Amino acid sequence: MLNFKIISPAFFCTISIGALVLLGSCKKTHDKAQEKRVKEGATLEVGLVLPEIRTTQNDTVKLALYPHARFFFIDLGLKNSDGYIDLIKKANKADVPVRVKVYEDNQAEVAEIYTATKEDIERYRNQQ
């Protein structure tokens, strides 16, 4: 014969509250993971470059910044990183250079990308 036990209301309430707390804590952790970080630090001007996105892996985009003969990267977990990627794509379509700054402590990590001035673009086109 089967032996079924009846679950007491107190035990059921305890399990239900525990499940709700667990689900609530998972949601909060997920929301914090979506927030973008801000990184501060001294930067160096790389100068006028032609950017090219090489690979994207996890939260990192690897870049080539011509004429430099090494790779750079953008941390997608940082604030403004999506804007930098958009700026690179626009620069590639228009075939214009951008200006780049890297962090002084890790000179492979891009700190900022911004548009080149009209004079920069004109000088670049005259060199071609």
N, C-alpha and C. Protein backbone atom coordinates (compact mmCIF):
# COMPACT_ATOMS: atom_id res chain seq x y z
N MET A 1 0.82 -1.18 0.00
CA MET A 1 0.00 0.00 0.00
C MET A 1 0.87 1.25 0.00
N LEU A 2 0.35 2.28 -0.61
CA LEU A 2 1.04 3.56 -0.64
C LEU A 2 0.77 4.33 0.64
N ASN A 3 1.81 5.00 1.13
CA ASN A 3 1.68 5.75 2.38
C ASN A 3 1.92 7.23 2.06
N PHE A 4 0.88 8.00 1.95
CA PHE A 4 0.98 9.43 1.67
C PHE A 4 0.88 10.21 2.97
N LYS A 5 1.74 11.23 3.08
CA LYS A 5 1.66 12.10 4.24
C LYS A 5 1.11 13.44 3.78
N ILE A 6 0.35 14.07 4.59
CA ILE A 6 -0.21 15.38 4.28
C ILE A 6 0.81 16.43 4.69
N ILE A 7 1.05 17.40 3.77
CA ILE A 7 2.00 18.49 4.05
C ILE A 7 1.32 19.50 4.96
N SER A 8 1.98 19.84 6.04
CA SER A 8 1.39 20.79 6.97
C SER A 8 1.41 22.19 6.36
N PRO A 9 0.45 23.03 6.67
CA PRO A 9 0.41 24.40 6.13
C PRO A 9 1.64 25.21 6.50
N ALA A 10 2.20 25.02 7.67
CA ALA A 10 3.39 25.77 8.08
C ALA A 10 4.58 25.40 7.20
N PHE A 11 4.74 24.10 6.93
CA PHE A 11 5.84 23.64 6.08
C PHE A 11 5.67 24.18 4.66
N PHE A 12 4.44 24.15 4.15
CA PHE A 12 4.15 24.65 2.80
C PHE A 12 4.46 26.15 2.71
N CYS A 13 4.09 26.93 3.71
CA CYS A 13 4.37 28.37 3.72
C CYS A 13 5.87 28.63 3.75
N THR A 14 6.60 27.87 4.54
CA THR A 14 8.05 28.03 4.64
C THR A 14 8.71 27.77 3.29
N ILE A 15 8.32 26.70 2.63
CA ILE A 15 8.88 26.37 1.31
C ILE A 15 8.52 27.45 0.29
N SER A 16 7.29 27.93 0.31
CA SER A 16 6.84 28.96 -0.63
C SER A 16 7.62 30.26 -0.44
N ILE A 17 7.78 30.69 0.79
CA ILE A 17 8.52 31.92 1.07
C ILE A 17 9.98 31.77 0.64
N GLY A 18 10.56 30.61 0.92
CA GLY A 18 11.95 30.35 0.50
C GLY A 18 12.10 30.42 -1.02
N ALA A 19 11.14 29.88 -1.75
CA ALA A 19 11.20 29.92 -3.21
C ALA A 19 11.07 31.35 -3.72
N LEU A 20 10.19 32.14 -3.13
CA LEU A 20 10.03 33.54 -3.54
C LEU A 20 11.29 34.35 -3.26
N VAL A 21 11.91 34.13 -2.12
CA VAL A 21 13.15 34.84 -1.78
C VAL A 21 14.24 34.46 -2.77
N LEU A 22 14.34 33.19 -3.09
CA LEU A 22 15.35 32.72 -4.04
C LEU A 22 15.13 33.33 -5.42
N LEU A 23 13.90 33.35 -5.89
CA LEU A 23 13.61 33.95 -7.20
C LEU A 23 13.88 35.45 -7.19
N GLY A 24 13.52 36.12 -6.12
CA GLY A 24 13.77 37.56 -6.01
C GLY A 24 15.25 37.89 -6.00
N SER A 25 16.04 37.10 -5.32
CA SER A 25 17.48 37.36 -5.28
C SER A 25 18.13 37.09 -6.63
N CYS A 26 17.65 36.11 -7.36
CA CYS A 26 18.19 35.84 -8.70
C CYS A 26 17.89 37.01 -9.63
N LYS A 27 16.72 37.57 -9.54
CA LYS A 27 16.35 38.69 -10.40
C LYS A 27 17.23 39.90 -10.11
N LYS A 28 17.48 40.19 -8.85
CA LYS A 28 18.31 41.34 -8.49
C LYS A 28 19.73 41.16 -9.01
N THR A 29 20.27 39.97 -8.91
CA THR A 29 21.62 39.70 -9.41
C THR A 29 21.67 39.91 -10.91
N HIS A 30 20.63 39.48 -11.60
CA HIS A 30 20.58 39.63 -13.06
C HIS A 30 20.54 41.11 -13.44
N ASP A 31 19.78 41.92 -12.73
CA ASP A 31 19.71 43.35 -13.02
C ASP A 31 21.05 44.03 -12.82
N LYS A 32 21.78 43.66 -11.77
CA LYS A 32 23.09 44.26 -11.52
C LYS A 32 24.08 43.88 -12.61
N ALA A 33 23.94 42.68 -13.15
CA ALA A 33 24.85 42.23 -14.20
C ALA A 33 24.64 43.04 -15.48
N GLN A 34 23.45 43.61 -15.67
CA GLN A 34 23.16 44.38 -16.88
C GLN A 34 23.70 45.80 -16.82
N GLU A 35 24.04 46.29 -15.63
CA GLU A 35 24.52 47.66 -15.49
C GLU A 35 25.92 47.80 -16.08
N LYS A 36 26.17 48.93 -16.73
CA LYS A 36 27.49 49.20 -17.31
C LYS A 36 28.37 49.84 -16.25
N ARG A 37 29.64 49.47 -16.28
CA ARG A 37 30.61 50.00 -15.32
C ARG A 37 31.27 51.26 -15.89
N VAL A 38 31.84 52.04 -15.00
CA VAL A 38 32.61 53.22 -15.39
C VAL A 38 34.04 52.98 -14.93
N LYS A 39 34.98 53.12 -15.85
CA LYS A 39 36.39 52.95 -15.51
C LYS A 39 37.07 54.29 -15.64
N GLU A 40 37.79 54.67 -14.60
CA GLU A 40 38.51 55.93 -14.62
C GLU A 40 40.00 55.65 -14.53
N GLY A 41 40.77 56.51 -15.12
CA GLY A 41 42.21 56.35 -15.06
C GLY A 41 42.86 57.28 -16.07
N ALA A 42 44.15 57.43 -15.93
CA ALA A 42 44.90 58.29 -16.85
C ALA A 42 44.89 57.66 -18.24
N THR A 43 44.79 58.53 -19.26
CA THR A 43 44.75 58.05 -20.64
C THR A 43 45.86 58.66 -21.47
N LEU A 44 46.15 57.99 -22.57
CA LEU A 44 47.12 58.48 -23.54
C LEU A 44 46.45 58.60 -24.90
N GLU A 45 46.80 59.62 -25.63
CA GLU A 45 46.26 59.82 -26.98
C GLU A 45 47.03 58.94 -27.95
N VAL A 46 46.32 58.05 -28.65
CA VAL A 46 46.94 57.22 -29.69
C VAL A 46 47.04 58.02 -30.97
N GLY A 47 46.05 58.86 -31.20
CA GLY A 47 46.07 59.71 -32.38
C GLY A 47 45.03 59.29 -33.40
N LEU A 48 45.28 59.69 -34.62
CA LEU A 48 44.38 59.45 -35.73
C LEU A 48 44.60 58.04 -36.28
N VAL A 49 43.56 57.23 -36.29
CA VAL A 49 43.68 55.84 -36.73
C VAL A 49 42.47 55.42 -37.56
N LEU A 50 42.68 54.36 -38.33
CA LEU A 50 41.57 53.72 -39.04
C LEU A 50 41.20 52.47 -38.25
N PRO A 51 40.02 52.44 -37.64
CA PRO A 51 39.65 51.30 -36.81
C PRO A 51 39.02 50.17 -37.63
N GLU A 52 39.24 48.96 -37.18
CA GLU A 52 38.61 47.79 -37.79
C GLU A 52 38.30 46.79 -36.70
N ILE A 53 37.04 46.37 -36.63
CA ILE A 53 36.64 45.36 -35.66
C ILE A 53 37.10 44.01 -36.18
N ARG A 54 37.88 43.29 -35.38
CA ARG A 54 38.40 41.99 -35.80
C ARG A 54 37.54 40.85 -35.27
N THR A 55 37.36 40.78 -33.95
CA THR A 55 36.56 39.71 -33.36
C THR A 55 35.81 40.24 -32.15
N THR A 56 34.72 39.55 -31.83
CA THR A 56 33.97 39.82 -30.61
C THR A 56 33.86 38.50 -29.85
N GLN A 57 34.30 38.52 -28.59
CA GLN A 57 34.25 37.32 -27.77
C GLN A 57 33.82 37.72 -26.37
N ASN A 58 32.72 37.14 -25.92
CA ASN A 58 32.14 37.47 -24.62
C ASN A 58 31.88 38.97 -24.54
N ASP A 59 32.51 39.67 -23.61
CA ASP A 59 32.31 41.12 -23.45
C ASP A 59 33.50 41.91 -23.95
N THR A 60 34.22 41.38 -24.92
CA THR A 60 35.42 42.05 -25.42
C THR A 60 35.41 42.10 -26.94
N VAL A 61 35.68 43.28 -27.48
CA VAL A 61 35.82 43.44 -28.93
C VAL A 61 37.29 43.73 -29.22
N LYS A 62 37.87 42.91 -30.07
CA LYS A 62 39.27 43.09 -30.45
C LYS A 62 39.30 43.96 -31.71
N LEU A 63 40.18 44.97 -31.69
CA LEU A 63 40.27 45.95 -32.78
C LEU A 63 41.67 46.00 -33.37
N ALA A 64 41.71 46.36 -34.63
CA ALA A 64 42.96 46.78 -35.26
C ALA A 64 42.82 48.28 -35.47
N LEU A 65 43.82 49.02 -35.08
CA LEU A 65 43.83 50.47 -35.25
C LEU A 65 45.02 50.81 -36.14
N TYR A 66 44.75 50.91 -37.43
CA TYR A 66 45.83 51.15 -38.39
C TYR A 66 46.29 52.59 -38.31
N PRO A 67 47.57 52.86 -38.34
CA PRO A 67 48.70 52.08 -38.81
C PRO A 67 49.42 51.28 -37.73
N HIS A 68 48.88 51.15 -36.53
CA HIS A 68 49.56 50.42 -35.45
C HIS A 68 49.54 48.92 -35.74
N ALA A 69 50.63 48.25 -35.41
CA ALA A 69 50.80 46.84 -35.74
C ALA A 69 50.49 45.93 -34.55
N ARG A 70 49.48 46.27 -33.78
CA ARG A 70 49.08 45.43 -32.65
C ARG A 70 47.58 45.55 -32.46
N PHE A 71 47.04 44.65 -31.66
CA PHE A 71 45.61 44.66 -31.40
C PHE A 71 45.30 45.50 -30.16
N PHE A 72 44.11 46.07 -30.17
CA PHE A 72 43.55 46.81 -29.04
C PHE A 72 42.22 46.15 -28.72
N PHE A 73 41.64 46.48 -27.56
CA PHE A 73 40.33 45.93 -27.25
C PHE A 73 39.45 46.94 -26.54
N ILE A 74 38.13 46.70 -26.68
CA ILE A 74 37.11 47.49 -25.99
C ILE A 74 36.35 46.54 -25.08
N ASP A 75 36.21 46.90 -23.81
CA ASP A 75 35.42 46.14 -22.85
C ASP A 75 33.96 46.57 -22.99
N LEU A 76 33.10 45.66 -23.46
CA LEU A 76 31.70 45.99 -23.67
C LEU A 76 30.92 46.17 -22.38
N GLY A 77 31.52 45.84 -21.25
CA GLY A 77 30.87 46.05 -19.96
C GLY A 77 31.00 47.47 -19.45
N LEU A 78 31.77 48.29 -20.17
CA LEU A 78 31.96 49.67 -19.76
C LEU A 78 30.95 50.60 -20.42
N LYS A 79 30.62 51.66 -19.71
CA LYS A 79 29.70 52.67 -20.22
C LYS A 79 30.29 53.28 -21.50
N ASN A 80 29.47 53.61 -22.45
CA ASN A 80 29.81 54.22 -23.75
C ASN A 80 30.44 53.25 -24.74
N SER A 81 30.66 52.00 -24.36
CA SER A 81 31.31 51.06 -25.29
C SER A 81 30.46 50.82 -26.53
N ASP A 82 29.14 50.75 -26.38
CA ASP A 82 28.27 50.56 -27.54
C ASP A 82 28.36 51.74 -28.50
N GLY A 83 28.47 52.94 -27.95
CA GLY A 83 28.63 54.13 -28.79
C GLY A 83 29.94 54.11 -29.55
N TYR A 84 31.00 53.59 -28.93
CA TYR A 84 32.29 53.48 -29.61
C TYR A 84 32.21 52.50 -30.77
N ILE A 85 31.51 51.40 -30.58
CA ILE A 85 31.35 50.41 -31.65
C ILE A 85 30.56 51.03 -32.81
N ASP A 86 29.50 51.77 -32.50
CA ASP A 86 28.73 52.45 -33.54
C ASP A 86 29.59 53.45 -34.30
N LEU A 87 30.42 54.19 -33.59
CA LEU A 87 31.30 55.17 -34.22
C LEU A 87 32.31 54.48 -35.15
N ILE A 88 32.82 53.33 -34.74
CA ILE A 88 33.75 52.57 -35.59
C ILE A 88 33.04 52.14 -36.88
N LYS A 89 31.82 51.64 -36.75
CA LYS A 89 31.07 51.19 -37.93
C LYS A 89 30.80 52.35 -38.88
N LYS A 90 30.44 53.51 -38.34
CA LYS A 90 30.21 54.69 -39.18
C LYS A 90 31.49 55.14 -39.86
N ALA A 91 32.59 55.12 -39.14
CA ALA A 91 33.88 55.52 -39.72
C ALA A 91 34.29 54.57 -40.84
N ASN A 92 34.03 53.27 -40.67
CA ASN A 92 34.35 52.31 -41.71
C ASN A 92 33.53 52.55 -42.97
N LYS A 93 32.24 52.83 -42.80
CA LYS A 93 31.37 53.08 -43.96
C LYS A 93 31.80 54.34 -44.70
N ALA A 94 32.17 55.37 -43.96
CA ALA A 94 32.55 56.65 -44.58
C ALA A 94 34.02 56.69 -44.97
N ASP A 95 34.79 55.66 -44.59
CA ASP A 95 36.23 55.60 -44.84
C ASP A 95 36.93 56.85 -44.30
N VAL A 96 36.67 57.11 -43.02
CA VAL A 96 37.33 58.23 -42.34
C VAL A 96 37.98 57.73 -41.05
N PRO A 97 39.04 58.37 -40.62
CA PRO A 97 39.69 57.96 -39.37
C PRO A 97 38.94 58.48 -38.14
N VAL A 98 39.33 57.98 -36.99
CA VAL A 98 38.82 58.45 -35.70
C VAL A 98 40.01 58.72 -34.80
N ARG A 99 39.76 59.39 -33.70
CA ARG A 99 40.80 59.61 -32.70
C ARG A 99 40.54 58.66 -31.54
N VAL A 100 41.62 58.13 -30.97
CA VAL A 100 41.51 57.11 -29.92
C VAL A 100 42.41 57.46 -28.75
N LYS A 101 41.90 57.18 -27.55
CA LYS A 101 42.69 57.26 -26.32
C LYS A 101 42.69 55.87 -25.69
N VAL A 102 43.81 55.50 -25.08
CA VAL A 102 43.93 54.23 -24.36
C VAL A 102 44.27 54.52 -22.91
N TYR A 103 44.05 53.52 -22.05
CA TYR A 103 44.41 53.68 -20.64
C TYR A 103 45.92 53.59 -20.49
N GLU A 104 46.46 54.43 -19.62
CA GLU A 104 47.91 54.47 -19.41
C GLU A 104 48.42 53.17 -18.78
N ASP A 105 47.64 52.58 -17.88
CA ASP A 105 48.09 51.35 -17.20
C ASP A 105 47.96 50.10 -18.07
N ASN A 106 47.08 50.11 -19.07
CA ASN A 106 46.93 49.00 -20.01
C ASN A 106 46.72 49.61 -21.39
N GLN A 107 47.78 49.81 -22.11
CA GLN A 107 47.72 50.55 -23.36
C GLN A 107 47.09 49.76 -24.51
N ALA A 108 46.63 48.55 -24.25
CA ALA A 108 45.89 47.80 -25.25
C ALA A 108 44.39 48.03 -25.11
N GLU A 109 43.96 48.60 -23.98
CA GLU A 109 42.53 48.82 -23.74
C GLU A 109 42.13 50.23 -24.15
N VAL A 110 41.13 50.31 -25.01
CA VAL A 110 40.64 51.59 -25.50
C VAL A 110 39.82 52.27 -24.41
N ALA A 111 40.16 53.52 -24.13
CA ALA A 111 39.44 54.30 -23.12
C ALA A 111 38.37 55.17 -23.76
N GLU A 112 38.64 55.68 -24.96
CA GLU A 112 37.71 56.60 -25.60
C GLU A 112 37.96 56.62 -27.10
N ILE A 113 36.88 56.72 -27.86
CA ILE A 113 36.96 56.91 -29.31
C ILE A 113 36.07 58.10 -29.63
N TYR A 114 36.60 59.02 -30.41
CA TYR A 114 35.79 60.17 -30.80
C TYR A 114 36.10 60.55 -32.24
N THR A 115 35.22 61.32 -32.83
CA THR A 115 35.35 61.66 -34.25
C THR A 115 36.55 62.56 -34.48
N ALA A 116 37.11 62.41 -35.65
CA ALA A 116 38.23 63.26 -36.06
C ALA A 116 37.69 64.62 -36.48
N THR A 117 38.53 65.63 -36.41
CA THR A 117 38.12 66.97 -36.84
C THR A 117 38.10 67.02 -38.37
N LYS A 118 37.50 68.06 -38.90
CA LYS A 118 37.47 68.23 -40.36
C LYS A 118 38.88 68.34 -40.92
N GLU A 119 39.75 69.02 -40.19
CA GLU A 119 41.14 69.16 -40.63
C GLU A 119 41.84 67.80 -40.67
N ASP A 120 41.56 66.96 -39.65
CA ASP A 120 42.15 65.61 -39.62
C ASP A 120 41.71 64.80 -40.83
N ILE A 121 40.43 64.85 -41.13
CA ILE A 121 39.89 64.08 -42.26
C ILE A 121 40.45 64.59 -43.58
N GLU A 122 40.54 65.90 -43.70
CA GLU A 122 41.10 66.50 -44.93
C GLU A 122 42.57 66.10 -45.10
N ARG A 123 43.33 66.14 -44.03
CA ARG A 123 44.74 65.75 -44.08
C ARG A 123 44.88 64.27 -44.44
N TYR A 124 44.00 63.43 -43.88
CA TYR A 124 44.02 62.00 -44.18
C TYR A 124 43.73 61.75 -45.66
N ARG A 125 42.74 62.42 -46.20
CA ARG A 125 42.38 62.22 -47.61
C ARG A 125 43.46 62.73 -48.55
N ASN A 126 44.18 63.77 -48.16
CA ASN A 126 45.26 64.29 -49.00
C ASN A 126 46.47 63.36 -49.01
N GLN A 127 46.63 62.56 -47.96
CA GLN A 127 47.76 61.63 -47.88
C GLN A 127 47.55 60.39 -48.73
N GLN A 128 46.32 60.08 -49.06
CA GLN A 128 46.04 58.85 -49.81
C GLN A 128 46.45 58.94 -51.24
